Protein backbone atom coordinates (compact mmCIF):
# COMPACT_ATOMS: atom_id res chain seq x y z
CA UNK A 1 -176.70 65.48 -178.14
CA UNK A 2 -176.47 69.24 -177.63
CA UNK A 3 -175.36 71.80 -180.18
CA UNK A 4 -172.09 73.68 -179.77
CA UNK A 5 -174.06 76.84 -178.99
CA UNK A 6 -175.99 75.18 -176.18
CA UNK A 7 -172.81 73.66 -174.76
CA UNK A 8 -171.23 77.12 -174.71
CA UNK A 9 -174.31 78.58 -173.02
CA UNK A 10 -174.22 75.84 -170.37
CA UNK A 11 -170.52 76.44 -169.70
CA UNK A 12 -171.04 80.18 -169.32
CA UNK A 13 -173.94 79.53 -166.92
CA UNK A 14 -171.70 77.34 -164.74
CA UNK A 15 -168.97 79.99 -164.69
CA UNK A 16 -171.54 82.61 -163.66
CA UNK A 17 -172.91 80.33 -160.93
CA UNK A 18 -169.42 79.84 -159.48
CA UNK A 19 -168.62 83.55 -159.61
CA UNK A 20 -171.92 84.62 -158.05
CA UNK A 21 -172.17 81.66 -155.60
CA UNK A 22 -175.68 80.90 -156.85
CA UNK A 23 -176.45 77.41 -158.22
CA UNK A 24 -178.24 77.12 -161.54
CA UNK A 25 -181.09 74.81 -162.51
CA UNK A 26 -179.87 71.33 -163.41
CA UNK A 27 -178.54 71.11 -166.95
CA UNK A 28 -180.32 67.75 -167.21
CA UNK A 29 -183.60 69.57 -166.53
CA UNK A 30 -182.97 72.48 -168.89
CA UNK A 31 -181.71 70.16 -171.65
CA UNK A 32 -183.09 66.62 -171.05
CA UNK A 33 -181.33 65.34 -174.18
CA UNK A 34 -177.87 65.95 -172.64
CA UNK A 35 -175.41 63.05 -172.92
CA UNK A 36 -172.25 62.18 -171.00
CA UNK A 37 -170.22 63.34 -174.02
CA UNK A 38 -172.03 66.68 -173.83
CA UNK A 39 -171.22 66.89 -170.12
CA UNK A 40 -167.48 66.37 -170.66
CA UNK A 41 -167.51 68.83 -173.55
CA UNK A 42 -169.16 71.44 -171.30
CA UNK A 43 -166.57 70.69 -168.59
CA UNK A 44 -163.84 71.28 -171.16
CA UNK A 45 -165.35 74.62 -172.16
CA UNK A 46 -165.59 75.70 -168.50
CA UNK A 47 -161.93 74.91 -168.00
CA UNK A 48 -160.95 76.66 -171.23
CA UNK A 49 -162.71 79.81 -170.01
CA UNK A 50 -160.86 79.63 -166.69
CA UNK A 51 -157.50 79.11 -168.40
CA UNK A 52 -158.18 82.07 -170.69
CA UNK A 53 -158.78 84.09 -167.52
CA UNK A 54 -155.35 83.22 -166.12
CA UNK A 55 -155.97 79.99 -164.22
CA UNK A 56 -153.45 77.15 -164.49
CA UNK A 57 -154.28 73.44 -164.51
CA UNK A 58 -152.33 71.50 -161.86
CA UNK A 59 -153.94 68.08 -162.11
CA UNK A 60 -157.10 66.01 -162.05
CA UNK A 61 -159.63 64.61 -159.62
CA UNK A 62 -161.38 61.28 -159.91
CA UNK A 63 -164.80 60.69 -158.40
CA UNK A 64 -167.48 58.05 -158.05
CA UNK A 65 -164.82 55.42 -157.35
CA UNK A 66 -166.95 53.24 -155.09
CA UNK A 67 -169.62 50.80 -156.25
CA UNK A 68 -172.20 52.39 -153.97
CA UNK A 69 -171.65 55.86 -155.44
CA UNK A 70 -171.70 54.51 -159.00
CA UNK A 71 -174.98 52.71 -158.38
CA UNK A 72 -176.52 55.83 -156.82
CA UNK A 73 -175.51 57.78 -159.95
CA UNK A 74 -176.65 55.00 -162.29
CA UNK A 75 -173.25 54.66 -163.98
CA UNK A 76 -170.71 51.86 -164.16
CA UNK A 77 -167.44 53.79 -164.06
CA UNK A 78 -165.84 56.76 -162.25
CA UNK A 79 -165.86 60.33 -163.49
CA UNK A 80 -163.15 62.99 -163.52
CA UNK A 81 -162.58 66.71 -163.34
CA UNK A 82 -159.75 69.23 -163.56
CA UNK A 83 -157.84 70.86 -160.68
CA UNK A 84 -156.75 74.50 -161.02
CA UNK A 85 -154.09 76.40 -159.13
CA UNK A 86 -156.64 78.66 -157.42
CA UNK A 87 -158.13 75.58 -155.73
CA UNK A 88 -154.95 74.95 -153.67
CA UNK A 89 -155.44 75.71 -149.97
CA UNK A 90 -152.71 75.53 -147.34
CA UNK A 91 -152.97 72.96 -144.56
CA UNK A 92 -154.57 74.60 -141.52
CA UNK A 93 -155.82 77.59 -143.49
CA UNK A 94 -158.92 79.59 -142.66
CA UNK A 95 -161.08 79.78 -145.77
CA UNK A 96 -163.97 82.22 -146.25
CA UNK A 97 -167.20 80.25 -146.26
CA UNK A 98 -168.55 82.65 -148.89
CA UNK A 99 -166.04 81.24 -151.34
CA UNK A 100 -168.35 78.24 -151.76
CA UNK A 101 -172.05 77.48 -152.21
CA UNK A 102 -172.61 74.20 -150.34
CA UNK A 103 -169.13 72.92 -149.41
CA UNK A 104 -168.44 69.34 -148.38
CA UNK A 105 -165.14 67.63 -147.67
CA UNK A 106 -163.65 64.20 -148.34
CA UNK A 107 -160.36 62.51 -147.29
CA UNK A 108 -158.31 61.23 -150.20
CA UNK A 109 -154.81 60.30 -151.31
CA UNK A 110 -152.99 62.45 -153.85
CA UNK A 111 -150.60 60.87 -156.34
CA UNK A 112 -147.94 63.23 -157.68
CA UNK A 113 -146.48 61.84 -160.88
CA UNK A 114 -142.76 61.70 -161.53
CA UNK A 115 -143.11 60.11 -164.96
CA UNK A 116 -145.75 60.46 -167.69
CA UNK A 117 -148.63 58.04 -168.03
CA UNK A 118 -150.34 57.47 -171.36
CA UNK A 119 -153.05 54.92 -171.96
CA UNK A 120 -154.44 52.67 -173.13
CA UNK A 121 -152.95 49.69 -171.37
CA UNK A 122 -151.93 51.40 -168.12
CA UNK A 123 -152.16 49.12 -165.08
CA UNK A 124 -151.84 49.56 -161.33
CA UNK A 125 -148.10 48.75 -161.30
CA UNK A 126 -147.48 51.30 -164.05
CA UNK A 127 -149.01 53.97 -161.82
CA UNK A 128 -146.93 52.93 -158.81
CA UNK A 129 -143.73 53.06 -160.88
CA UNK A 130 -144.61 56.48 -162.32
CA UNK A 131 -145.57 58.07 -158.99
CA UNK A 132 -143.02 60.35 -157.30
CA UNK A 133 -144.90 60.28 -154.00
CA UNK A 134 -148.32 59.88 -152.39
CA UNK A 135 -149.61 62.33 -149.77
CA UNK A 136 -152.82 62.82 -147.74
CA UNK A 137 -155.36 65.37 -148.87
CA UNK A 138 -158.74 66.88 -148.15
CA UNK A 139 -160.86 67.63 -151.18
CA UNK A 140 -163.48 70.34 -150.94
CA UNK A 141 -166.37 69.69 -153.28
CA UNK A 142 -169.11 72.16 -154.15
CA UNK A 143 -172.16 72.27 -156.41
CA UNK A 144 -172.80 75.00 -158.93
CA UNK A 145 -175.94 73.08 -159.95
CA UNK A 146 -179.07 72.63 -157.85
CA UNK A 147 -180.10 69.34 -156.25
CA UNK A 148 -181.03 66.67 -157.16
CA UNK A 149 -178.18 66.31 -159.64
CA UNK A 150 -177.66 63.63 -162.26
CA UNK A 151 -174.27 62.42 -163.44
CA UNK A 152 -174.46 64.79 -166.43
CA UNK A 153 -174.77 67.77 -164.07
CA UNK A 154 -171.85 66.69 -161.90
CA UNK A 155 -169.53 65.96 -164.83
CA UNK A 156 -170.34 69.25 -166.56
CA UNK A 157 -169.71 70.98 -163.22
CA UNK A 158 -166.10 69.72 -163.29
CA UNK A 159 -166.81 66.83 -160.94
CA UNK A 160 -167.79 69.37 -158.24
CA UNK A 161 -164.09 70.29 -157.78
CA UNK A 162 -163.68 73.34 -155.55
CA UNK A 163 -160.67 73.04 -153.24
CA UNK A 164 -157.64 70.92 -152.39
CA UNK A 165 -155.72 70.79 -149.10
CA UNK A 166 -152.49 68.75 -149.06
CA UNK A 167 -150.65 67.89 -145.85
CA UNK A 168 -149.32 65.13 -143.67
CA UNK A 169 -146.36 62.95 -144.62
CA UNK A 170 -145.49 62.11 -148.23
CA UNK A 171 -144.58 58.47 -148.84
CA UNK A 172 -143.27 56.45 -151.76
CA UNK A 173 -146.01 54.67 -153.66
CA UNK A 174 -144.43 51.28 -152.90
CA UNK A 175 -143.22 52.05 -149.37
CA UNK A 176 -146.60 51.31 -147.78
CA UNK A 177 -149.59 49.17 -148.71
CA UNK A 178 -151.80 51.99 -149.94
CA UNK A 179 -154.90 49.81 -149.75
CA UNK A 180 -154.72 49.93 -145.95
CA UNK A 181 -154.12 53.63 -145.50
CA UNK A 182 -156.95 54.76 -143.23
CA UNK A 183 -158.46 58.11 -142.36
CA UNK A 184 -160.60 59.52 -139.57
CA UNK A 185 -162.57 62.56 -140.72
CA UNK A 186 -163.43 64.98 -137.90
CA UNK A 187 -165.83 67.92 -137.94
CA UNK A 188 -164.74 69.99 -134.98
CA UNK A 189 -164.27 67.46 -132.14
CA UNK A 190 -166.43 64.66 -133.53
CA UNK A 191 -165.52 61.85 -135.89
CA UNK A 192 -167.98 61.97 -138.78
CA UNK A 193 -166.54 59.34 -141.13
CA UNK A 194 -163.85 56.66 -141.27
CA UNK A 195 -162.53 54.56 -144.11
CA UNK A 196 -159.58 52.86 -145.82
CA UNK A 197 -158.17 53.62 -149.25
CA UNK A 198 -159.06 50.18 -150.63
CA UNK A 199 -162.58 51.62 -150.93
CA UNK A 200 -161.28 53.34 -154.07
CA UNK A 201 -161.60 50.64 -156.75
CA UNK A 202 -159.81 48.15 -154.50
CA UNK A 203 -156.59 50.22 -154.65
CA UNK A 204 -156.30 54.02 -155.06
CA UNK A 205 -153.69 53.62 -157.81
CA UNK A 206 -156.35 51.84 -159.86
CA UNK A 207 -158.19 55.15 -160.12
CA UNK A 208 -155.14 56.83 -161.65
CA UNK A 209 -154.78 53.94 -164.10
CA UNK A 210 -158.45 54.30 -165.06
CA UNK A 211 -157.98 58.00 -165.84
CA UNK A 212 -154.79 57.45 -167.84
CA UNK A 213 -156.61 54.88 -169.97
CA UNK A 214 -159.75 57.03 -170.25
CA UNK A 215 -158.00 60.13 -171.57
CA UNK A 216 -155.37 58.11 -173.44
CA UNK A 217 -158.02 57.20 -175.99
CA UNK A 218 -157.90 60.82 -177.12
CA UNK A 219 -154.11 61.05 -177.14
CA UNK A 220 -153.88 62.84 -173.79
CA UNK A 221 -150.99 62.21 -171.39
CA UNK A 222 -150.89 62.55 -167.60
CA UNK A 223 -147.73 64.64 -167.31
CA UNK A 224 -145.02 64.53 -164.61
CA UNK A 225 -145.74 66.89 -161.70
CA UNK A 226 -149.46 66.45 -162.13
CA UNK A 227 -151.47 66.29 -158.89
CA UNK A 228 -153.94 63.42 -159.01
CA UNK A 229 -156.77 63.15 -156.47
CA UNK A 230 -157.58 59.46 -156.47
CA UNK A 231 -161.08 59.56 -154.97
CA UNK A 232 -162.71 59.60 -151.57
CA UNK A 233 -162.97 56.53 -149.36
CA UNK A 234 -165.67 57.98 -147.10
CA UNK A 235 -168.95 59.73 -147.64
CA UNK A 236 -168.63 63.54 -148.00
CA UNK A 237 -169.14 65.60 -144.84
CA UNK A 238 -171.00 68.92 -144.91
CA UNK A 239 -169.15 72.01 -143.71
CA UNK A 240 -170.85 75.01 -142.11
CA UNK A 241 -169.43 78.41 -141.25
CA UNK A 242 -167.12 78.07 -138.25
CA UNK A 243 -166.45 74.36 -138.74
CA UNK A 244 -162.96 72.91 -138.68
CA UNK A 245 -162.59 69.74 -140.75
CA UNK A 246 -159.60 67.55 -139.93
CA UNK A 247 -158.48 64.33 -141.59
CA UNK A 248 -156.22 62.08 -139.53
CA UNK A 249 -154.31 59.55 -141.66
CA UNK A 250 -152.49 57.93 -138.71
CA UNK A 251 -148.83 57.28 -139.60
CA UNK A 252 -149.17 59.57 -142.63
CA UNK A 253 -150.15 62.53 -140.44
CA UNK A 254 -153.16 64.84 -140.37
CA UNK A 255 -154.35 68.01 -142.05
CA UNK A 256 -157.19 70.46 -141.58
CA UNK A 257 -159.12 73.40 -142.96
CA UNK A 258 -161.46 75.85 -141.23
CA UNK A 259 -164.44 77.60 -142.81
CA UNK A 260 -164.84 81.14 -141.43
């Protein structure tokens, strides 16, 4: 367990790394005694610093939602981070590559809540009832910590959250079988990854239920209007300067972002 002073120092180092676009040495290397509770506490401090600087929280992201990714990270549950307003990117936008360090992209489904969710005891059907609509998204992830990273590094680094593109066609949470929503992820003209949303804990709404129950232990509520990234159902794809990344969700439409 780290002291409050060390947690604060770690948070400030992550803020500096993001501002300067230079990754820092792994927190798990600098402080080998770091725990997952330390990592979430550091994440909270990072977000507090951003909010104090004028940023607004718009939602959450959930990661490590597949068994393969959990096993590779040596954990048995997902992780989560916080989405800020400055991370929103318009569909089709050209984004400066220098805004990121080592950007990668993932296709996901976003749940926008119409009613509050407070755990414990939240199930998949509770999420579907509380959701105003579901819409395709591309998440841009980045790393403010050097490779190879451990789960403590990723969690402290806000789950690698860096950007969010929303587009395509919004649908009601019960209007389609969300398990079978598929995506083709293109880099320029080539398909790099494909997948279906059932890869997220068997059903993407299960990820939202997990988060509601996770934070509900501490009295936190997922509020209406909150944007919830439910987790990727493909491997992340690297983006280089000049690349256009496009996610085609079939009947739900497509969206893209270009790194310039």
